[in-house]
Protein backbone atom coordinates (compact mmCIF):
# COMPACT_ATOMS: atom_id res chain seq x y z
CA MET A 1 -35.41 86.37 -73.82
CA LYS A 2 -38.91 86.30 -75.44
CA LYS A 3 -40.99 83.17 -75.09
CA GLU A 4 -40.64 82.52 -78.82
CA ASP A 5 -36.89 82.57 -78.56
CA TYR A 6 -36.78 79.41 -76.43
CA ILE A 7 -37.62 77.42 -79.56
CA ILE A 8 -34.05 77.95 -80.93
CA LEU A 9 -32.35 75.76 -78.30
CA PRO A 10 -34.33 72.43 -78.91
CA LEU A 11 -34.39 73.08 -82.70
CA SER A 12 -30.58 73.62 -82.68
CA ALA A 13 -30.13 70.42 -80.79
CA LEU A 14 -32.18 68.44 -83.26
CA SER A 15 -30.27 70.11 -86.03
CA ILE A 16 -26.91 69.02 -84.59
CA ILE A 17 -28.17 65.48 -84.08
CA GLY A 18 -29.34 65.47 -87.69
CA ILE A 19 -25.85 66.50 -88.97
CA ILE A 20 -24.16 63.83 -86.84
CA VAL A 21 -26.67 61.15 -87.99
CA LEU A 22 -26.10 62.06 -91.69
CA LEU A 23 -22.30 61.94 -91.34
CA PHE A 24 -22.53 58.59 -89.56
CA SER A 25 -24.93 57.19 -92.16
CA THR A 26 -22.60 58.23 -94.97
CA ARG A 27 -19.34 57.14 -93.39
CA SER A 28 -18.58 55.02 -96.42
CA GLY A 29 -19.25 58.06 -98.65
CA ILE A 30 -22.26 60.05 -99.74
CA GLY A 31 -24.76 58.07 -101.88
CA ILE A 32 -24.13 58.35 -105.58
CA SER A 33 -26.77 57.92 -108.39
CA PRO A 34 -26.25 58.66 -112.14
CA ASP A 35 -27.41 62.29 -111.50
CA SER A 36 -24.96 62.53 -108.59
CA ALA A 37 -22.04 61.46 -110.75
CA THR A 38 -22.86 64.21 -113.22
CA TYR A 39 -22.99 66.85 -110.46
CA ILE A 40 -19.71 65.67 -109.01
CA GLY A 41 -18.03 65.44 -112.36
CA VAL A 42 -19.16 68.85 -113.60
CA SER A 43 -17.98 70.35 -110.29
CA ARG A 44 -14.53 68.81 -110.77
CA ASN A 45 -14.40 70.16 -114.31
CA VAL A 46 -15.18 73.65 -113.03
CA LEU A 47 -12.42 73.35 -110.42
CA THR A 48 -9.91 72.34 -113.13
CA GLY A 49 -10.98 75.21 -115.44
CA LYS A 50 -12.89 73.16 -117.98
CA GLY A 51 -16.16 74.78 -117.13
CA LEU A 52 -19.65 73.32 -116.92
CA ILE A 53 -18.74 70.22 -119.02
CA LEU A 54 -20.11 66.72 -118.58
CA PRO A 55 -17.49 64.29 -117.22
CA PHE A 56 -18.60 61.39 -119.42
CA GLY A 57 -20.39 60.65 -122.63
CA SER A 58 -19.50 62.71 -125.67
CA GLU A 59 -16.33 64.74 -125.36
CA ALA A 60 -16.58 68.38 -124.20
CA THR A 61 -20.45 68.37 -123.98
CA PRO A 62 -21.78 71.29 -122.03
CA MET A 63 -24.21 70.58 -119.16
CA THR A 64 -27.73 71.72 -120.02
CA HIS A 65 -29.87 68.97 -118.61
CA TYR A 66 -29.48 70.45 -115.10
CA PRO A 67 -29.27 74.07 -113.74
CA PRO A 68 -25.78 75.04 -112.59
CA LEU A 69 -26.01 76.03 -108.92
CA PHE A 70 -25.37 72.73 -107.14
CA PRO A 71 -22.14 71.80 -109.02
CA VAL A 72 -20.96 75.40 -108.88
CA VAL A 73 -21.40 75.61 -105.16
CA LEU A 74 -19.49 72.30 -104.71
CA ALA A 75 -16.72 73.76 -106.90
CA LEU A 76 -16.58 76.99 -104.95
CA LEU A 77 -16.37 75.07 -101.65
CA GLY A 78 -13.70 72.90 -103.34
CA LEU A 79 -11.47 76.05 -103.66
CA VAL A 80 -10.91 75.82 -99.99
CA GLY A 81 -9.70 72.28 -100.39
CA GLY A 82 -11.11 68.83 -100.87
CA ASP A 83 -12.82 66.81 -103.59
CA PRO A 84 -16.46 67.71 -104.52
CA LEU A 85 -17.45 64.15 -103.69
CA ASP A 86 -16.35 64.61 -100.01
CA ILE A 87 -17.66 68.20 -99.96
CA ALA A 88 -21.13 67.06 -101.03
CA ARG A 89 -21.30 64.79 -98.00
CA TRP A 90 -20.58 67.55 -95.53
CA PHE A 91 -22.65 70.03 -97.49
CA ASN A 92 -25.81 67.96 -97.48
CA ALA A 93 -25.32 67.02 -93.77
CA LEU A 94 -25.35 70.69 -92.95
CA LEU A 95 -28.37 71.19 -95.21
CA PHE A 96 -30.11 68.42 -93.30
CA GLY A 97 -29.54 70.30 -90.00
CA ALA A 98 -30.61 73.53 -91.66
CA ASN A 99 -33.86 71.96 -93.01
CA ILE A 100 -34.71 70.46 -89.62
CA THR A 101 -34.51 73.89 -88.01
CA LEU A 102 -36.32 75.60 -90.92
CA VAL A 103 -39.34 73.24 -90.68
CA GLY A 104 -39.53 73.84 -86.93
CA LEU A 105 -39.50 77.57 -87.37
CA ALA A 106 -42.10 77.34 -90.12
CA ILE A 107 -44.42 75.33 -87.85
CA ASN A 108 -43.84 77.81 -85.05
CA LYS A 109 -44.70 80.76 -87.44
CA TYR A 110 -48.08 79.26 -88.09
CA THR A 111 -48.91 77.59 -84.80
CA HIS A 112 -46.95 79.40 -82.10
CA SER A 113 -46.62 75.98 -80.50
CA LEU A 114 -43.22 74.92 -79.07
CA CYS A 115 -44.31 71.33 -78.76
CA LEU A 116 -45.57 70.99 -82.35
CA SER A 117 -42.49 72.83 -83.68
CA ILE A 118 -40.17 70.36 -81.98
CA TYR A 119 -42.37 67.50 -83.04
CA GLY A 120 -42.27 68.57 -86.72
CA SER A 121 -38.46 68.87 -86.59
CA PHE A 122 -38.28 65.50 -84.98
CA LEU A 123 -40.30 63.98 -87.83
CA MET A 124 -37.86 65.66 -90.32
CA LEU A 125 -34.91 64.10 -88.46
CA THR A 126 -36.42 60.62 -88.36
CA SER A 127 -38.18 60.53 -91.75
CA VAL A 128 -36.65 57.81 -93.99
CA ASP A 129 -37.41 59.98 -97.07
CA MET A 130 -35.69 62.96 -95.63
CA LEU A 131 -32.73 60.93 -94.46
CA GLY A 132 -32.63 59.33 -97.97
CA ILE A 133 -32.51 62.47 -100.00
CA HIS A 134 -29.92 64.23 -97.75
CA SER A 135 -27.65 61.25 -97.78
CA MET A 136 -27.36 61.27 -101.56
CA ALA A 137 -25.47 63.76 -103.65
CA TRP A 138 -28.69 65.27 -105.00
CA THR A 139 -30.06 68.73 -105.43
CA GLU A 140 -33.32 68.30 -103.45
CA PRO A 141 -31.85 69.22 -100.02
CA LEU A 142 -30.68 72.60 -101.37
CA PHE A 143 -33.91 73.17 -103.30
CA ILE A 144 -36.00 72.46 -100.16
CA PHE A 145 -33.92 74.89 -98.06
CA LEU A 146 -33.99 77.64 -100.72
CA GLY A 147 -37.64 77.06 -101.72
CA MET A 148 -39.01 76.95 -98.12
CA MET A 149 -36.94 79.95 -97.16
CA GLY A 150 -38.19 81.92 -100.12
CA LEU A 151 -41.90 81.11 -99.48
CA LEU A 152 -41.72 81.76 -95.81
CA LEU A 153 -40.05 85.12 -96.36
CA LEU A 154 -42.65 85.97 -98.95
CA ASP A 155 -45.44 85.03 -96.54
CA THR A 156 -43.80 87.42 -94.04
CA TYR A 157 -43.76 90.12 -96.67
CA THR A 158 -47.53 89.74 -97.30
CA GLU A 159 -48.05 90.55 -93.57
CA ASP A 160 -45.40 93.18 -92.88
CA GLN A 161 -45.07 94.80 -96.35
CA LYS A 162 -41.34 95.45 -95.81
CA PRO A 163 -39.48 95.57 -99.16
CA LEU A 164 -36.42 93.78 -97.73
CA PHE A 165 -38.51 90.57 -97.23
CA LEU A 166 -39.68 90.71 -100.80
CA ILE A 167 -36.10 91.16 -102.12
CA VAL A 168 -34.48 88.41 -99.97
CA SER A 169 -37.38 86.05 -100.81
CA SER A 170 -36.93 86.69 -104.56
CA LEU A 171 -33.21 85.95 -104.15
CA ALA A 172 -33.91 82.68 -102.40
CA ILE A 173 -36.42 81.72 -105.12
CA GLU A 174 -33.93 82.69 -107.78
CA LEU A 175 -31.30 80.36 -106.25
CA GLY A 176 -33.93 77.56 -105.89
CA PHE A 177 -34.71 78.01 -109.66
CA LEU A 178 -30.96 77.79 -110.41
CA THR A 179 -30.85 74.49 -108.38
CA ARG A 180 -33.75 72.70 -110.07
CA TYR A 181 -35.77 73.61 -113.20
CA ILE A 182 -38.91 72.79 -111.21
CA GLY A 183 -38.07 75.98 -109.37
CA ILE A 184 -40.42 77.61 -111.81
CA VAL A 185 -43.12 76.44 -109.35
CA LEU A 186 -41.56 78.66 -106.70
CA VAL A 187 -41.84 81.65 -108.98
CA THR A 188 -45.43 80.83 -109.93
CA THR A 189 -46.36 80.37 -106.29
CA GLY A 190 -44.73 83.66 -105.42
CA ILE A 191 -46.76 85.37 -108.13
CA GLY A 192 -49.94 83.86 -106.86
CA GLY A 193 -49.05 84.80 -103.26
CA ILE A 194 -48.51 88.44 -104.10
CA PHE A 195 -51.67 88.66 -106.22
CA PHE A 196 -54.00 87.02 -103.78
CA LEU A 197 -52.49 87.70 -100.33
CA CYS A 198 -51.01 91.18 -100.53
CA LYS A 199 -53.49 93.86 -99.42
CA LYS A 200 -52.33 96.47 -101.84
CA THR A 201 -53.66 98.32 -104.83
CA TYR A 202 -53.31 96.56 -108.23
CA TYR A 203 -50.61 99.05 -109.19
CA ARG A 204 -48.50 98.23 -106.12
CA LYS A 205 -49.13 94.48 -106.67
CA PHE A 206 -47.85 94.92 -110.25
CA ILE A 207 -44.66 96.62 -108.99
CA ASP A 208 -44.10 93.74 -106.51
CA LEU A 209 -44.63 91.14 -109.26
CA VAL A 210 -42.11 92.90 -111.48
CA ILE A 211 -39.55 92.91 -108.68
CA LEU A 212 -40.25 89.20 -107.87
CA THR A 213 -40.14 87.87 -111.41
CA SER A 214 -37.05 90.06 -112.45
CA ILE A 215 -34.99 88.85 -109.53
CA SER A 216 -36.05 85.27 -109.50
CA SER A 217 -36.15 84.59 -113.24
CA LEU A 218 -33.40 86.71 -114.97
CA PRO A 219 -30.52 84.42 -114.06
CA ILE A 220 -32.20 81.24 -115.26
CA ILE A 221 -33.20 83.10 -118.49
CA VAL A 222 -29.54 83.83 -119.05
CA TRP A 223 -28.71 80.11 -118.36
CA VAL A 224 -31.38 79.03 -120.91
CA ILE A 225 -30.00 81.46 -123.55
CA ARG A 226 -26.51 79.95 -122.88
CA ASN A 227 -28.03 76.44 -123.32
CA LEU A 228 -29.59 77.44 -126.65
CA TYR A 229 -26.28 78.80 -127.83
CA VAL A 230 -24.14 75.84 -126.86
CA SER A 231 -26.58 72.94 -127.62
CA GLY A 232 -29.60 74.25 -129.47
CA THR A 233 -31.94 73.17 -126.63
CA MET A 234 -33.22 75.05 -123.53
CA ALA A 235 -32.78 72.14 -121.11
CA ASN A 236 -31.80 69.08 -123.20
CA ARG A 237 -35.43 68.07 -123.46
CA LYS A 238 -37.93 67.89 -126.31
CA ILE A 239 -41.63 68.77 -126.15
CA VAL A 240 -43.45 65.55 -126.97
CA PHE A 241 -46.87 64.53 -125.71
CA HIS A 242 -46.69 61.27 -123.73
CA PRO A 243 -49.63 61.44 -121.32
CA ILE A 244 -49.03 60.51 -117.68
CA THR A 245 -50.12 57.01 -116.97
CA LEU A 246 -51.97 55.22 -114.18
CA TYR A 247 -48.57 53.71 -113.25
CA HIS A 248 -47.29 57.15 -112.37
CA PHE A 249 -50.24 57.73 -110.07
CA ARG A 250 -49.98 54.35 -108.42
CA TYR A 251 -46.24 55.01 -107.84
CA ALA A 252 -47.09 58.38 -106.20
CA LEU A 253 -49.80 56.87 -103.95
CA ASP A 254 -47.36 54.16 -102.89
CA THR A 255 -44.73 56.87 -102.09
CA ILE A 256 -47.10 58.91 -100.12
CA SER A 257 -48.55 55.89 -98.18
CA ARG A 258 -45.00 55.29 -96.89
CA TRP A 259 -45.14 58.58 -95.16
CA PHE A 260 -47.71 56.97 -92.87
CA LEU A 261 -46.74 53.26 -92.69
CA PRO A 262 -43.48 51.33 -93.17
CA GLU A 263 -42.75 49.82 -96.61
CA ALA A 264 -42.95 46.36 -95.03
CA VAL A 265 -46.75 46.83 -94.63
CA HIS A 266 -48.68 45.47 -97.55
CA LYS A 267 -49.57 47.95 -100.25
CA ILE A 268 -53.31 47.40 -99.87
CA MET A 269 -53.14 48.16 -96.16
CA ARG A 270 -51.03 51.28 -96.78
CA ALA A 271 -53.58 52.40 -99.40
CA ILE A 272 -56.42 51.99 -96.96
CA VAL A 273 -54.63 53.97 -94.23
CA LEU A 274 -53.72 56.68 -96.82
CA PHE A 275 -57.40 56.86 -97.94
CA VAL A 276 -58.54 57.20 -94.23
CA ALA A 277 -55.84 59.87 -93.63
CA ILE A 278 -57.05 61.92 -96.67
CA ILE A 279 -60.70 61.63 -95.57
CA ALA A 280 -59.72 62.71 -92.02
CA LEU A 281 -57.79 65.68 -93.40
CA LEU A 282 -60.75 66.75 -95.59
CA ILE A 283 -63.17 66.47 -92.68
CA SER A 284 -60.76 68.43 -90.48
CA GLY A 285 -60.36 71.09 -93.14
CA ILE A 286 -64.14 71.47 -93.46
CA PHE A 287 -64.52 71.62 -89.74
CA LEU A 288 -61.90 74.26 -89.36
CA LEU A 289 -63.38 76.32 -92.25
CA ILE A 290 -66.81 76.25 -90.57
CA LYS A 291 -65.39 77.22 -87.21
CA LYS A 292 -63.28 79.98 -88.81
CA ARG A 293 -66.31 81.59 -90.28
CA LYS A 294 -68.06 81.50 -86.95
CA ASP A 295 -65.20 83.02 -85.04
CA SER A 296 -64.27 86.45 -86.35
CA VAL A 297 -61.55 86.88 -83.75
CA ARG A 298 -59.73 83.79 -84.83
CA GLN A 299 -60.22 84.76 -88.41
CA ARG A 300 -58.26 87.98 -87.84
CA SER A 301 -55.50 86.53 -85.73
CA GLU A 302 -54.54 83.12 -87.03
CA LYS A 303 -51.92 82.60 -89.72
CA ILE A 304 -52.96 80.24 -92.48
CA PRO A 305 -50.26 78.70 -94.67
CA TYR A 306 -51.89 79.66 -97.95
CA LEU A 307 -48.66 79.84 -99.80
CA LEU A 308 -47.78 76.23 -98.90
CA ILE A 309 -51.20 75.07 -100.06
CA LEU A 310 -50.66 76.93 -103.28
CA PHE A 311 -47.20 75.49 -103.67
CA ILE A 312 -48.45 71.89 -103.22
CA LEU A 313 -51.16 72.38 -105.86
CA ILE A 314 -48.85 74.04 -108.41
CA TYR A 315 -45.97 71.58 -107.84
CA THR A 316 -48.32 68.63 -108.39
CA GLY A 317 -49.83 70.21 -111.47
CA PHE A 318 -46.39 70.98 -112.93
CA LEU A 319 -45.22 67.44 -112.23
CA ILE A 320 -48.21 66.06 -114.21
CA PHE A 321 -47.52 68.54 -117.04
CA SER A 322 -43.74 67.76 -117.14
CA ILE A 323 -44.21 63.97 -117.25
CA SER A 324 -46.83 64.40 -119.96
CA PHE A 325 -44.78 66.68 -122.23
CA TYR A 326 -41.04 66.78 -121.18
CA ASP A 327 -39.85 63.82 -119.24
CA ALA A 328 -41.88 60.52 -119.19
CA HIS A 329 -38.96 58.93 -117.35
CA THR A 330 -39.77 60.81 -114.15
CA LEU A 331 -41.31 58.77 -111.34
CA MET A 332 -43.16 60.30 -108.45
CA ASP A 333 -40.87 58.77 -105.96
CA TYR A 334 -39.61 59.95 -102.56
CA ARG A 335 -37.05 62.16 -104.16
CA ILE A 336 -39.34 63.95 -106.61
CA LEU A 337 -42.13 64.36 -103.89
CA SER A 338 -39.77 65.41 -101.09
CA PRO A 339 -40.71 69.20 -101.41
CA ILE A 340 -44.38 68.18 -101.14
CA TYR A 341 -43.60 66.07 -98.01
CA VAL A 342 -42.07 69.06 -96.24
CA SER A 343 -45.03 71.29 -97.19
CA VAL A 344 -47.56 68.70 -96.19
CA LEU A 345 -45.79 68.14 -92.85
CA ILE A 346 -46.04 71.82 -91.98
CA LEU A 347 -49.71 72.08 -93.17
CA VAL A 348 -50.90 68.99 -91.28
CA LEU A 349 -49.25 70.15 -88.02
CA TRP A 350 -50.89 73.52 -88.44
CA MET A 351 -54.25 71.75 -88.84
CA ILE A 352 -53.62 69.72 -85.71
CA GLN A 353 -52.86 72.90 -83.78
CA ARG A 354 -56.22 74.40 -84.90
CA LEU A 355 -57.99 71.23 -83.96
CA LEU A 356 -56.29 71.22 -80.49
CA SER A 357 -57.62 74.72 -79.99
CA TYR A 358 -61.13 73.33 -79.91
CA THR A 359 -60.47 70.38 -77.59
CA LYS A 360 -62.60 72.06 -74.92
CA GLU A 361 -65.58 71.54 -77.14
CA ILE A 362 -64.54 67.99 -78.02
CA PRO A 363 -62.56 66.68 -75.01
CA LEU A 364 -61.93 63.29 -76.63
CA LEU A 365 -60.28 64.89 -79.58
CA LYS A 366 -57.20 66.01 -77.61
CA SER A 367 -56.54 62.52 -76.27
CA ILE A 368 -56.89 60.95 -79.73
CA LEU A 369 -54.47 63.46 -81.33
CA ILE A 370 -51.83 62.98 -78.61
CA VAL A 371 -51.96 59.21 -78.72
CA ALA A 372 -51.83 59.21 -82.47
CA GLY A 373 -48.88 61.65 -82.43
CA ILE A 374 -46.92 59.44 -80.01
CA VAL A 375 -47.53 56.31 -82.00
CA PHE A 376 -46.67 58.05 -85.29
CA GLY A 377 -43.53 59.65 -83.87
CA GLY A 378 -42.44 56.29 -82.43
CA SER A 379 -42.98 54.55 -85.78
CA TYR A 380 -40.78 57.24 -87.45
CA LEU A 381 -38.10 56.77 -84.86
CA VAL A 382 -38.01 52.98 -85.27
CA ARG A 383 -37.98 53.21 -89.11
CA GLY A 384 -35.45 55.98 -89.16
CA THR A 385 -33.07 54.11 -86.81
CA GLY A 386 -33.29 50.95 -88.87
CA TRP A 387 -32.52 53.05 -92.00
CA ILE A 388 -29.45 54.65 -90.31
CA ILE A 389 -28.07 51.31 -89.18
CA LEU A 390 -28.52 49.69 -92.65
CA THR A 391 -27.16 52.61 -94.67
CA SER A 392 -24.11 53.14 -92.41
CA ARG A 393 -23.23 49.50 -92.98
CA ASP A 394 -23.95 48.98 -96.65
CA GLY A 395 -23.83 52.55 -98.20
CA GLN A 396 -25.97 53.76 -101.06
CA GLY A 397 -25.77 53.74 -104.81
CA TYR A 398 -22.32 53.68 -106.26
CA ALA A 399 -20.99 54.20 -102.76
CA GLY A 400 -22.45 50.80 -101.75
CA LYS A 401 -20.50 47.76 -100.72
CA ALA A 402 -21.38 45.84 -103.85
CA TRP A 403 -19.72 48.49 -106.08
CA HIS A 404 -16.69 48.75 -103.94
CA HIS A 405 -16.08 44.96 -104.38
CA SER A 406 -16.92 45.00 -108.04
CA GLU A 407 -14.49 42.82 -110.08
CA ILE A 408 -15.31 44.61 -113.29
CA ILE A 409 -14.47 47.95 -111.74
CA LYS A 410 -11.15 46.50 -110.57
CA LYS A 411 -10.34 45.41 -114.11
CA ILE A 412 -11.35 48.82 -115.54
CA ARG A 413 -8.78 50.45 -113.26
CA ASN A 414 -6.10 48.33 -114.83
CA LEU A 415 -6.99 49.12 -118.45
CA PRO A 416 -4.63 51.37 -120.33
CA SER A 417 -5.71 54.97 -119.95
CA GLU A 418 -5.64 55.75 -123.64
CA ILE A 419 -8.23 53.16 -124.80
CA PRO A 420 -11.88 54.31 -125.15
CA ILE A 421 -14.58 52.61 -123.12
CA PHE A 422 -18.19 52.18 -124.18
CA THR A 423 -20.64 50.97 -121.48
CA ASN A 424 -24.22 50.93 -120.32
CA LEU A 425 -23.13 52.64 -116.97
CA PRO A 426 -20.68 55.41 -117.83
CA ASP A 427 -21.67 57.21 -114.63
CA ALA A 428 -20.51 54.24 -112.52
CA VAL A 429 -17.23 53.93 -114.47
CA TYR A 430 -16.51 57.61 -113.88
CA ILE A 431 -17.34 57.93 -110.27
CA LEU A 432 -15.60 54.63 -109.32
CA THR A 433 -12.51 54.82 -111.49
CA GLY A 434 -12.19 58.49 -112.47
CA ARG A 435 -12.26 57.53 -116.18
CA SER A 436 -14.50 59.03 -118.79
CA ALA A 437 -16.58 56.59 -120.75
CA PHE A 438 -19.12 56.70 -123.62
CA MET A 439 -22.75 55.56 -123.30
CA ILE A 440 -23.76 52.81 -125.73
CA PRO A 441 -26.42 54.01 -128.12
CA ASP A 442 -30.00 53.95 -126.82
CA LYS A 443 -32.82 52.35 -128.69
CA VAL A 444 -35.42 54.58 -127.12
CA ASN A 445 -35.24 58.12 -125.71
CA PRO A 446 -36.25 57.46 -122.04
CA GLU A 447 -37.70 61.02 -121.60
CA SER A 448 -39.74 61.32 -124.80
CA ARG A 449 -40.32 57.51 -125.23
CA GLN A 450 -39.49 58.07 -128.96
CA THR A 451 -37.61 55.44 -130.92
CA ASN A 452 -34.07 56.41 -131.80
CA ASN A 453 -34.19 56.37 -135.61
CA ASN A 454 -30.39 56.72 -135.71
CA TYR A 455 -29.76 53.66 -133.64
CA LEU A 456 -28.18 51.53 -136.36
CA SER A 457 -25.92 54.32 -137.50
CA ASP A 458 -24.95 55.06 -133.90
CA ILE A 459 -24.07 51.40 -133.51
CA ASP A 460 -21.89 51.60 -136.65
CA ARG A 461 -20.07 54.62 -135.34
CA MET A 462 -19.51 52.89 -132.03
CA ARG A 463 -18.07 49.86 -133.86
CA GLU A 464 -15.56 51.99 -135.84
CA HIS A 465 -14.49 53.81 -132.73
CA LEU A 466 -13.94 50.57 -130.89
CA LYS A 467 -12.13 49.00 -133.87
CA ASN A 468 -9.93 51.96 -134.70
CA LYS A 469 -8.96 52.85 -131.15
CA ASP A 470 -8.78 49.27 -129.90
CA GLY A 471 -11.38 50.14 -127.33
CA VAL A 472 -13.53 47.92 -125.04
CA LEU A 473 -17.29 47.57 -124.42
CA ILE A 474 -18.24 46.89 -120.86
CA TYR A 475 -21.66 45.67 -120.06
CA PHE A 476 -22.80 45.65 -116.43
CA ASN A 477 -25.67 43.36 -115.39
CA ILE A 478 -26.26 44.97 -111.91
CA ILE A 479 -28.48 47.75 -113.25
CA LYS A 480 -30.96 47.31 -116.14
CA ARG A 481 -31.75 50.32 -118.34
CA TRP A 482 -34.79 49.43 -120.30
CA TYR A 483 -34.07 51.96 -123.11
CA LEU A 484 -30.62 50.45 -123.93
CA PRO A 485 -29.98 47.29 -126.08
CA LEU A 486 -29.44 44.02 -124.32
CA GLU A 487 -26.11 42.43 -123.98
CA ASN A 488 -26.98 39.61 -126.47
CA GLU A 489 -28.09 42.15 -128.95
CA LEU A 490 -24.79 43.97 -128.93
CA LYS A 491 -22.88 40.67 -129.18
CA GLU A 492 -24.79 39.80 -132.34
CA GLN A 493 -24.64 43.30 -133.91
CA LEU A 494 -20.91 43.95 -133.23
CA GLN A 495 -19.52 40.44 -133.29
CA LEU A 496 -17.97 41.00 -129.86
CA LEU A 497 -15.10 39.02 -128.50
CA LEU A 498 -15.34 38.23 -124.74
CA ILE A 499 -12.24 39.38 -122.82
CA ALA A 500 -13.44 38.94 -119.24
CA ARG A 501 -16.63 37.89 -117.46
CA GLU A 502 -17.35 38.49 -113.79
CA THR A 503 -20.53 38.17 -111.73
CA ASP A 504 -21.38 41.83 -112.21
CA GLY A 505 -20.63 42.21 -115.96
CA SER A 506 -18.46 41.53 -118.96
CA ILE A 507 -15.70 43.15 -121.04
CA TYR A 508 -15.68 42.76 -124.81
CA LYS A 509 -13.61 43.89 -127.82
CA ILE A 510 -14.37 43.99 -131.45
CA SER A 511 -13.23 40.82 -133.12
CA HIS A 512 -11.04 41.87 -136.14
């Protein structure tokens, strides 16, 4: 066995631990958010032969807001047996194990350090953000796996020039694009990687670019054409200029600062530590750049994660563009920034390895880095352990204890199946009762921030539907959606008659 092969054993052990931890954390069920309810419902519709149709809202509405891969994968696995909700839990647990291993292998690729590779996988295992996204029925775990796999294989292709690596990389990027629309960043990064990193003639680079873009983009183009045909929009979004705000950047900085310090630490202290960390990284980068220029041997032998650097820059730029033109409702939270976290983790540990190689020149540097690494790893372990205990006890999202004990949900289950339901949380009603429900009209489009000019006519249509079908309007007070009318507004506009009131919401009918 080669020396490099010994890394598989510890990484596999960490991977298995990660799978067990995820299954334990989600013992009350995988976490469910509004997006999750859509993925699960569409997957169930695929299994029952209805196709990629939304499970709630307007009847027989095709899914266009999300790419198809995640619900399709859940449906395919469901053919073996089991509900997509249960399958998503096991699927994301396995992805957690796979991503723990993948990060360790990526770090080993760039550093050839067994210790740093294990350390990086350990940070993946204990990161609250990574635990969080993998314990929810979200697409990010699959996107991270496919995206990182695609970029690492493409990086290998730029070194070895073997066509198989290019083809397999393009396939992984294609699947990542079919998982999340932001997969366009993977394609763009791949194009930049081939153009700048491949040592070929421009003609050969052009051929490689044709192969990459054709394989990685053709399926999503077919999906977009399908969306235009069934709904008239490419991805259920409008191009409207709503520039990114300072709030978005503050949210992003707050998210990134929690990569270094617990949320319990005051924001100002976390901001200071983040500022110091950025300065330290910049100084380290300048130092390594100077040393690299002076050392021609190192320059030829070391592997630099250029593709990951390019990915971080393009991903950040695309987020800013998307928030400014497509979806102002997007926040730079731990979910959205999770691919950047993984890339930054690999990049920082690569920089640490390069700094450690110069510890003979600066003896104190090695001691500082080792102590800092132990403290940082210990912090992650404590925070991760606390998260696991809390989540395994209380659950997440609609799988949380509060929802399982909801009195309003219990009353919905007892309603006649034929009556229509309008509510501010149709996703919660669907995932907790299995019933389809309609969303009450919104006053503002949350993505474009434009006022709904048809709001009053939408209210009238809802009134007629409730009146003619003897339906009910259910208003939950657990979650506030700023773009929807308030409960008192609806009571005045519709002359609602209270049927039942509980601590988590109320049930109304139209007074005849």
